[in-house]
Amino acid sequence: LNGILCGPRYVKDYSLRRKNSVEFDPAPRDFRLAMGFGIMPTRRGLVPLELVWLVLLILGLSSSKYREMPFIMFKKLLHPS
């Protein structure tokens, strides 16, 4: 689910698919063999990953039960019992 929402999306690039196009193809050869000609990845997914981390941080800080969790984990890493 995370890969679908936050992973790159792929679009068809019209200028690469035209006959006698002078558009430069920046993708490596292995990518072209796997994905096909004219398919380009976008820079971001449907939901930016930074937004997911920000929402998780806000949810973690808003609840007192989860607010202490990083400190407890750090304490247990220093002194395992």
Protein backbone atom coordinates (compact mmCIF):
# COMPACT_ATOMS: atom_id res chain seq x y z
CA LEU A 1 0.00 0.00 0.00
CA ASN A 2 2.89 2.35 0.81
CA GLY A 3 4.51 1.60 -2.54
CA ILE A 4 1.31 2.30 -4.42
CA LEU A 5 0.63 5.60 -2.64
CA CYS A 6 4.18 6.95 -2.29
CA GLY A 7 6.06 5.27 -5.14
CA PRO A 8 6.67 6.89 -8.53
CA ARG A 9 3.94 6.88 -11.13
CA TYR A 10 4.60 6.28 -14.81
CA VAL A 11 3.32 8.38 -17.70
CA LYS A 12 3.57 8.12 -21.47
CA ASP A 13 5.80 10.78 -22.98
CA TYR A 14 4.35 11.80 -26.34
CA SER A 15 7.52 13.42 -27.63
CA LEU A 16 9.50 10.18 -27.14
CA ARG A 17 6.86 8.11 -28.93
CA ARG A 18 6.75 10.27 -32.09
CA LYS A 19 8.50 9.13 -35.23
CA ASN A 20 11.64 11.15 -36.08
CA SER A 21 11.64 12.77 -32.63
CA VAL A 22 14.75 14.60 -31.46
CA GLU A 23 13.78 14.23 -27.78
CA PHE A 24 16.66 12.90 -25.64
CA ASP A 25 15.88 9.72 -23.71
CA PRO A 26 17.49 10.06 -20.24
CA ALA A 27 16.52 6.54 -19.10
CA PRO A 28 19.15 3.78 -19.06
CA ARG A 29 18.95 0.91 -21.52
CA ASP A 30 17.83 -1.66 -18.91
CA PHE A 31 14.91 0.57 -17.89
CA ARG A 32 13.86 0.89 -21.54
CA LEU A 33 13.99 -2.89 -22.03
CA ALA A 34 11.79 -3.47 -18.96
CA MET A 35 9.31 -0.61 -19.27
CA GLY A 36 9.03 -0.05 -23.00
CA PHE A 37 9.61 2.97 -25.19
CA GLY A 38 8.06 6.29 -24.21
CA ILE A 39 7.25 5.44 -20.57
CA MET A 40 8.75 7.87 -18.06
CA PRO A 41 8.58 7.84 -14.23
CA THR A 42 7.29 10.88 -12.38
CA ARG A 43 9.24 12.46 -9.53
CA ARG A 44 6.58 11.86 -6.87
CA GLY A 45 3.85 9.42 -6.10
CA LEU A 46 0.22 10.06 -5.36
CA VAL A 47 1.03 11.09 -1.77
CA PRO A 48 4.45 12.66 -1.03
CA LEU A 49 6.49 10.59 1.43
CA GLU A 50 7.31 13.70 3.46
CA LEU A 51 3.60 14.17 4.13
CA VAL A 52 3.29 10.60 5.44
CA TRP A 53 6.21 11.13 7.86
CA LEU A 54 4.74 14.46 9.00
CA VAL A 55 1.33 12.91 9.72
CA LEU A 56 2.96 10.05 11.65
CA LEU A 57 5.03 12.53 13.66
CA ILE A 58 1.98 14.64 14.53
CA LEU A 59 -0.02 11.56 15.51
CA GLY A 60 2.85 10.30 17.62
CA LEU A 61 3.32 13.58 19.44
CA SER A 62 -0.39 14.13 20.02
CA SER A 63 -0.87 10.95 22.04
CA SER A 64 0.82 10.71 25.43
CA LYS A 65 1.09 6.94 25.12
CA TYR A 66 3.16 7.19 21.93
CA ARG A 67 5.12 10.28 22.96
CA GLU A 68 7.28 8.29 25.40
CA MET A 69 7.95 5.42 22.99
CA PRO A 70 11.20 6.78 21.39
CA PHE A 71 12.70 7.45 24.81
CA ILE A 72 11.81 3.97 26.05
CA MET A 73 13.31 2.36 22.93
CA PHE A 74 16.51 4.40 23.29
CA LYS A 75 16.75 3.49 26.97
CA LYS A 76 16.31 -0.23 26.19
CA LEU A 77 18.96 -0.06 23.48
CA LEU A 78 21.46 1.41 25.94
CA HIS A 79 20.63 -1.01 28.77
CA PRO A 80 19.05 -4.22 27.45
CA SER A 81 17.50 -6.43 30.09
